[in-house]
Amino acid sequence: MKKLLCATILAVLPVTTLAASVFTLQSKDFSDNALLDKKFAGANKNNPSCTGDNVSPELNWSAVPSGTRSLALLMTDPVGAKGLGVTHLVAYNIPASRSSFAQGALTQGKGYSGGKNSPGTLHYYGPCPPAGSGLHHYNFVLIATDLPVGQLKAGLTQSELISQLKGHALGAASTVGRFSNE
């Protein structure tokens, strides 16, 4: 009888009650693995491959792991620089209480400590794939950490940040935007 009662109760509970929340990263500006609008591409008059407005897309996240004290956000193009990879954003010391960045906020460099990206800036630098190089995938990875906000100094490169996060990462979520100058 107890087994039947338990089975009946479980059957009527909503599925969301039973499923664990999954750490997710998404955007209102693009779906995962979808094309990014041209306005999100880099804008550099000295680089003909930078054809956009350098506006960072909106990003939002949910269900950060328990114990998260700060977040780090990376944006990379693994096939950029002829396969050597390009880092477009290194952002960290993001408060765990935060759940989004509005469109354009990452370009302004506010609400996080900026690390040095491949072009040498401390904020969002949009896609600039060379014409003829095909479709590039821009990986946005959000890392939950147990480090307090302010623990890491500004200006770290991607590899320096990853080194500092070893032993402190609690989980990650990602989404991908694609772009081409074809």
C-alpha atoms as a PDB file:
ATOM      1  CA  MET A   1       0.000   0.000   0.000  1.00  0.00           C
ATOM      2  CA  LYS A   2       2.838   2.404   0.871  1.00  0.00           C
ATOM      3  CA  LYS A   3       4.492   1.729  -2.482  1.00  0.00           C
ATOM      4  CA  LEU A   4       1.260   2.470  -4.329  1.00  0.00           C
ATOM      5  CA  LEU A   5       0.772   5.718  -2.384  1.00  0.00           C
ATOM      6  CA  CYS A   6       4.368   6.846  -3.103  1.00  0.00           C
ATOM      7  CA  ALA A   7       4.008   5.986  -6.787  1.00  0.00           C
ATOM      8  CA  THR A   8       0.745   7.947  -6.993  1.00  0.00           C
ATOM      9  CA  ILE A   9       2.268  11.008  -5.328  1.00  0.00           C
ATOM     10  CA  LEU A  10       5.318  10.906  -7.613  1.00  0.00           C
ATOM     11  CA  ALA A  11       3.070  10.571 -10.665  1.00  0.00           C
ATOM     12  CA  VAL A  12       1.155  13.760  -9.887  1.00  0.00           C
ATOM     13  CA  LEU A  13       4.180  15.913  -8.984  1.00  0.00           C
ATOM     14  CA  PRO A  14       5.343  18.244 -11.736  1.00  0.00           C
ATOM     15  CA  VAL A  15       8.411  16.993 -13.595  1.00  0.00           C
ATOM     16  CA  THR A  16      10.268  20.204 -12.669  1.00  0.00           C
ATOM     17  CA  THR A  17       9.961  19.257  -8.995  1.00  0.00           C
ATOM     18  CA  LEU A  18      11.858  16.029  -9.630  1.00  0.00           C
ATOM     19  CA  ALA A  19      14.496  17.324 -12.040  1.00  0.00           C
ATOM     20  CA  ALA A  20      17.572  19.117 -10.736  1.00  0.00           C
ATOM     21  CA  SER A  21      18.133  22.606 -12.092  1.00  0.00           C
ATOM     22  CA  VAL A  22      20.836  22.811 -14.737  1.00  0.00           C
ATOM     23  CA  PHE A  23      23.277  25.726 -14.896  1.00  0.00           C
ATOM     24  CA  THR A  24      22.447  27.436 -18.211  1.00  0.00           C
ATOM     25  CA  LEU A  25      23.712  30.365 -20.262  1.00  0.00           C
ATOM     26  CA  GLN A  26      21.588  31.846 -23.019  1.00  0.00           C
ATOM     27  CA  SER A  27      20.854  35.037 -24.922  1.00  0.00           C
ATOM     28  CA  LYS A  28      17.757  36.902 -26.044  1.00  0.00           C
ATOM     29  CA  ASP A  29      19.819  38.116 -29.022  1.00  0.00           C
ATOM     30  CA  PHE A  30      20.618  34.693 -30.532  1.00  0.00           C
ATOM     31  CA  SER A  31      19.755  31.037 -30.041  1.00  0.00           C
ATOM     32  CA  ASP A  32      22.454  28.493 -29.261  1.00  0.00           C
ATOM     33  CA  ASN A  33      24.467  27.770 -32.435  1.00  0.00           C
ATOM     34  CA  ALA A  34      22.582  30.452 -34.398  1.00  0.00           C
ATOM     35  CA  LEU A  35      24.029  33.319 -36.429  1.00  0.00           C
ATOM     36  CA  LEU A  36      24.990  36.527 -34.661  1.00  0.00           C
ATOM     37  CA  ASP A  37      23.703  39.793 -36.114  1.00  0.00           C
ATOM     38  CA  LYS A  38      26.305  42.023 -37.771  1.00  0.00           C
ATOM     39  CA  LYS A  39      25.987  44.636 -35.000  1.00  0.00           C
ATOM     40  CA  PHE A  40      27.695  42.162 -32.619  1.00  0.00           C
ATOM     41  CA  ALA A  41      30.788  41.982 -34.869  1.00  0.00           C
ATOM     42  CA  GLY A  42      33.853  44.049 -34.048  1.00  0.00           C
ATOM     43  CA  ALA A  43      34.253  47.631 -35.238  1.00  0.00           C
ATOM     44  CA  ASN A  44      37.805  48.627 -36.054  1.00  0.00           C
ATOM     45  CA  LYS A  45      38.457  50.999 -38.975  1.00  0.00           C
ATOM     46  CA  ASN A  46      42.006  49.633 -39.249  1.00  0.00           C
ATOM     47  CA  ASN A  47      40.772  46.059 -39.767  1.00  0.00           C
ATOM     48  CA  PRO A  48      38.567  45.404 -42.832  1.00  0.00           C
ATOM     49  CA  SER A  49      37.340  42.168 -41.183  1.00  0.00           C
ATOM     50  CA  CYS A  50      35.696  44.159 -38.356  1.00  0.00           C
ATOM     51  CA  THR A  51      32.435  44.990 -40.099  1.00  0.00           C
ATOM     52  CA  GLY A  52      30.020  45.511 -37.190  1.00  0.00           C
ATOM     53  CA  ASP A  53      29.214  47.906 -34.362  1.00  0.00           C
ATOM     54  CA  ASN A  54      31.002  46.008 -31.537  1.00  0.00           C
ATOM     55  CA  VAL A  55      27.827  45.744 -29.460  1.00  0.00           C
ATOM     56  CA  SER A  56      27.979  42.829 -27.015  1.00  0.00           C
ATOM     57  CA  PRO A  57      24.924  40.547 -27.056  1.00  0.00           C
ATOM     58  CA  GLU A  58      22.611  40.205 -24.075  1.00  0.00           C
ATOM     59  CA  LEU A  59      23.513  37.189 -21.943  1.00  0.00           C
ATOM     60  CA  ASN A  60      21.566  35.682 -19.048  1.00  0.00           C
ATOM     61  CA  TRP A  61      21.994  32.644 -16.849  1.00  0.00           C
ATOM     62  CA  SER A  62      20.228  30.619 -14.203  1.00  0.00           C
ATOM     63  CA  ALA A  63      20.733  27.833 -11.662  1.00  0.00           C
ATOM     64  CA  VAL A  64      24.313  28.682 -10.684  1.00  0.00           C
ATOM     65  CA  PRO A  65      25.892  25.921  -8.605  1.00  0.00           C
ATOM     66  CA  SER A  66      25.560  26.028  -4.835  1.00  0.00           C
ATOM     67  CA  GLY A  67      28.479  27.815  -3.181  1.00  0.00           C
ATOM     68  CA  THR A  68      29.107  30.158  -6.113  1.00  0.00           C
ATOM     69  CA  ARG A  69      30.693  33.405  -4.942  1.00  0.00           C
ATOM     70  CA  SER A  70      31.715  34.872  -8.307  1.00  0.00           C
ATOM     71  CA  LEU A  71      31.532  34.146 -12.022  1.00  0.00           C
ATOM     72  CA  ALA A  72      33.923  34.381 -14.949  1.00  0.00           C
ATOM     73  CA  LEU A  73      32.907  34.762 -18.597  1.00  0.00           C
ATOM     74  CA  LEU A  74      35.006  33.945 -21.651  1.00  0.00           C
ATOM     75  CA  MET A  75      34.260  34.420 -25.342  1.00  0.00           C
ATOM     76  CA  THR A  76      36.584  32.606 -27.719  1.00  0.00           C
ATOM     77  CA  ASP A  77      36.850  31.703 -31.391  1.00  0.00           C
ATOM     78  CA  PRO A  78      38.743  28.396 -31.468  1.00  0.00           C
ATOM     79  CA  VAL A  79      39.494  28.558 -35.219  1.00  0.00           C
ATOM     80  CA  GLY A  80      40.415  32.257 -35.293  1.00  0.00           C
ATOM     81  CA  ALA A  81      44.010  33.253 -36.092  1.00  0.00           C
ATOM     82  CA  LYS A  82      44.211  30.334 -38.538  1.00  0.00           C
ATOM     83  CA  GLY A  83      43.431  27.753 -35.861  1.00  0.00           C
ATOM     84  CA  LEU A  84      45.467  29.251 -33.026  1.00  0.00           C
ATOM     85  CA  GLY A  85      42.312  30.722 -31.464  1.00  0.00           C
ATOM     86  CA  VAL A  86      41.225  34.237 -30.602  1.00  0.00           C
ATOM     87  CA  THR A  87      40.003  35.398 -27.195  1.00  0.00           C
ATOM     88  CA  HIS A  88      37.341  38.108 -27.540  1.00  0.00           C
ATOM     89  CA  LEU A  89      36.379  38.540 -23.878  1.00  0.00           C
ATOM     90  CA  VAL A  90      37.884  37.758 -20.491  1.00  0.00           C
ATOM     91  CA  ALA A  91      35.546  38.936 -17.712  1.00  0.00           C
ATOM     92  CA  TYR A  92      35.631  37.874 -14.060  1.00  0.00           C
ATOM     93  CA  ASN A  93      34.870  39.041 -10.505  1.00  0.00           C
ATOM     94  CA  ILE A  94      31.223  38.984 -11.597  1.00  0.00           C
ATOM     95  CA  PRO A  95      29.046  38.881  -8.456  1.00  0.00           C
ATOM     96  CA  ALA A  96      27.140  35.617  -7.940  1.00  0.00           C
ATOM     97  CA  SER A  97      23.997  37.708  -7.352  1.00  0.00           C
ATOM     98  CA  ARG A  98      24.109  38.902 -10.957  1.00  0.00           C
ATOM     99  CA  SER A  99      22.094  36.927 -13.543  1.00  0.00           C
ATOM    100  CA  SER A 100      22.608  38.827 -16.791  1.00  0.00           C
ATOM    101  CA  PHE A 101      24.408  41.431 -18.862  1.00  0.00           C
ATOM    102  CA  ALA A 102      22.240  43.711 -20.988  1.00  0.00           C
ATOM    103  CA  GLN A 103      23.025  44.194 -24.673  1.00  0.00           C
ATOM    104  CA  GLY A 104      26.112  46.433 -24.928  1.00  0.00           C
ATOM    105  CA  ALA A 105      27.114  46.117 -21.253  1.00  0.00           C
ATOM    106  CA  LEU A 106      30.148  43.896 -21.866  1.00  0.00           C
ATOM    107  CA  THR A 107      31.417  46.408 -24.436  1.00  0.00           C
ATOM    108  CA  GLN A 108      31.326  49.133 -21.770  1.00  0.00           C
ATOM    109  CA  GLY A 109      33.477  47.078 -19.375  1.00  0.00           C
ATOM    110  CA  LYS A 110      31.193  47.630 -16.364  1.00  0.00           C
ATOM    111  CA  GLY A 111      30.096  45.081 -13.768  1.00  0.00           C
ATOM    112  CA  TYR A 112      33.217  42.920 -13.990  1.00  0.00           C
ATOM    113  CA  SER A 113      37.012  42.976 -13.942  1.00  0.00           C
ATOM    114  CA  GLY A 114      38.314  42.977 -17.485  1.00  0.00           C
ATOM    115  CA  GLY A 115      41.044  40.649 -18.583  1.00  0.00           C
ATOM    116  CA  LYS A 116      43.223  41.095 -21.636  1.00  0.00           C
ATOM    117  CA  ASN A 117      41.734  39.646 -24.840  1.00  0.00           C
ATOM    118  CA  SER A 118      43.682  38.828 -28.022  1.00  0.00           C
ATOM    119  CA  PRO A 119      43.269  42.351 -29.503  1.00  0.00           C
ATOM    120  CA  GLY A 120      44.616  43.757 -26.214  1.00  0.00           C
ATOM    121  CA  THR A 121      41.487  45.377 -24.777  1.00  0.00           C
ATOM    122  CA  LEU A 122      39.887  44.731 -21.378  1.00  0.00           C
ATOM    123  CA  HIS A 123      36.297  44.472 -22.646  1.00  0.00           C
ATOM    124  CA  TYR A 124      34.196  42.796 -25.326  1.00  0.00           C
ATOM    125  CA  TYR A 125      35.745  42.765 -28.798  1.00  0.00           C
ATOM    126  CA  GLY A 126      33.303  41.417 -31.377  1.00  0.00           C
ATOM    127  CA  PRO A 127      33.943  38.870 -34.125  1.00  0.00           C
ATOM    128  CA  CYS A 128      36.235  39.901 -36.990  1.00  0.00           C
ATOM    129  CA  PRO A 129      36.713  36.770 -39.111  1.00  0.00           C
ATOM    130  CA  PRO A 130      38.572  37.355 -42.382  1.00  0.00           C
ATOM    131  CA  ALA A 131      36.501  37.117 -45.564  1.00  0.00           C
ATOM    132  CA  GLY A 132      36.929  33.674 -47.069  1.00  0.00           C
ATOM    133  CA  SER A 133      37.566  31.962 -43.728  1.00  0.00           C
ATOM    134  CA  GLY A 134      34.042  30.548 -43.461  1.00  0.00           C
ATOM    135  CA  LEU A 135      31.723  30.405 -40.512  1.00  0.00           C
ATOM    136  CA  HIS A 136      33.372  30.877 -37.107  1.00  0.00           C
ATOM    137  CA  HIS A 137      31.930  29.636 -33.808  1.00  0.00           C
ATOM    138  CA  TYR A 138      32.068  32.062 -30.873  1.00  0.00           C
ATOM    139  CA  ASN A 139      31.964  30.145 -27.602  1.00  0.00           C
ATOM    140  CA  PHE A 140      30.585  31.970 -24.581  1.00  0.00           C
ATOM    141  CA  VAL A 141      31.522  30.064 -21.404  1.00  0.00           C
ATOM    142  CA  LEU A 142      30.339  31.131 -17.949  1.00  0.00           C
ATOM    143  CA  ILE A 143      32.287  29.611 -15.047  1.00  0.00           C
ATOM    144  CA  ALA A 144      30.959  29.526 -11.476  1.00  0.00           C
ATOM    145  CA  THR A 145      33.710  29.872  -8.851  1.00  0.00           C
ATOM    146  CA  ASP A 146      34.090  29.776  -5.090  1.00  0.00           C
ATOM    147  CA  LEU A 147      36.348  32.859  -5.173  1.00  0.00           C
ATOM    148  CA  PRO A 148      35.036  36.075  -3.632  1.00  0.00           C
ATOM    149  CA  VAL A 149      34.518  39.069  -5.916  1.00  0.00           C
ATOM    150  CA  GLY A 150      37.714  41.114  -6.052  1.00  0.00           C
ATOM    151  CA  GLN A 151      40.004  38.142  -5.366  1.00  0.00           C
ATOM    152  CA  LEU A 152      41.523  38.326  -8.866  1.00  0.00           C
ATOM    153  CA  LYS A 153      43.365  41.396 -10.146  1.00  0.00           C
ATOM    154  CA  ALA A 154      42.226  43.031 -13.390  1.00  0.00           C
ATOM    155  CA  GLY A 155      44.132  42.479 -16.624  1.00  0.00           C
ATOM    156  CA  LEU A 156      44.621  38.699 -16.554  1.00  0.00           C
ATOM    157  CA  THR A 157      44.887  36.903 -19.889  1.00  0.00           C
ATOM    158  CA  GLN A 158      42.650  33.910 -20.581  1.00  0.00           C
ATOM    159  CA  SER A 159      45.431  31.450 -19.674  1.00  0.00           C
ATOM    160  CA  GLU A 160      46.283  33.363 -16.485  1.00  0.00           C
ATOM    161  CA  LEU A 161      42.618  33.358 -15.469  1.00  0.00           C
ATOM    162  CA  ILE A 162      42.249  29.625 -16.125  1.00  0.00           C
ATOM    163  CA  SER A 163      45.362  29.007 -14.022  1.00  0.00           C
ATOM    164  CA  GLN A 164      43.896  31.073 -11.151  1.00  0.00           C
ATOM    165  CA  LEU A 165      40.541  29.220 -11.368  1.00  0.00           C
ATOM    166  CA  LYS A 166      42.050  25.729 -11.031  1.00  0.00           C
ATOM    167  CA  GLY A 167      40.619  24.190  -7.892  1.00  0.00           C
ATOM    168  CA  HIS A 168      37.996  26.952  -7.634  1.00  0.00           C
ATOM    169  CA  ALA A 169      35.618  26.184 -10.534  1.00  0.00           C
ATOM    170  CA  LEU A 170      32.236  24.808  -9.436  1.00  0.00           C
ATOM    171  CA  GLY A 171      30.641  24.362 -12.861  1.00  0.00           C
ATOM    172  CA  ALA A 172      30.203  25.926 -16.269  1.00  0.00           C
ATOM    173  CA  ALA A 173      27.516  26.751 -18.808  1.00  0.00           C
ATOM    174  CA  SER A 174      27.948  27.723 -22.440  1.00  0.00           C
ATOM    175  CA  THR A 175      26.270  28.903 -25.602  1.00  0.00           C
ATOM    176  CA  VAL A 176      27.584  29.394 -29.133  1.00  0.00           C
ATOM    177  CA  GLY A 177      26.992  32.163 -31.669  1.00  0.00           C
ATOM    178  CA  ARG A 178      28.230  31.874 -35.258  1.00  0.00           C
ATOM    179  CA  PHE A 179      29.417  34.628 -37.593  1.00  0.00           C
ATOM    180  CA  SER A 180      31.026  34.964 -41.022  1.00  0.00           C
ATOM    181  CA  ASN A 181      32.169  37.782 -43.286  1.00  0.00           C
ATOM    182  CA  GLU A 182      31.251  35.879 -46.447  1.00  0.00           C
END
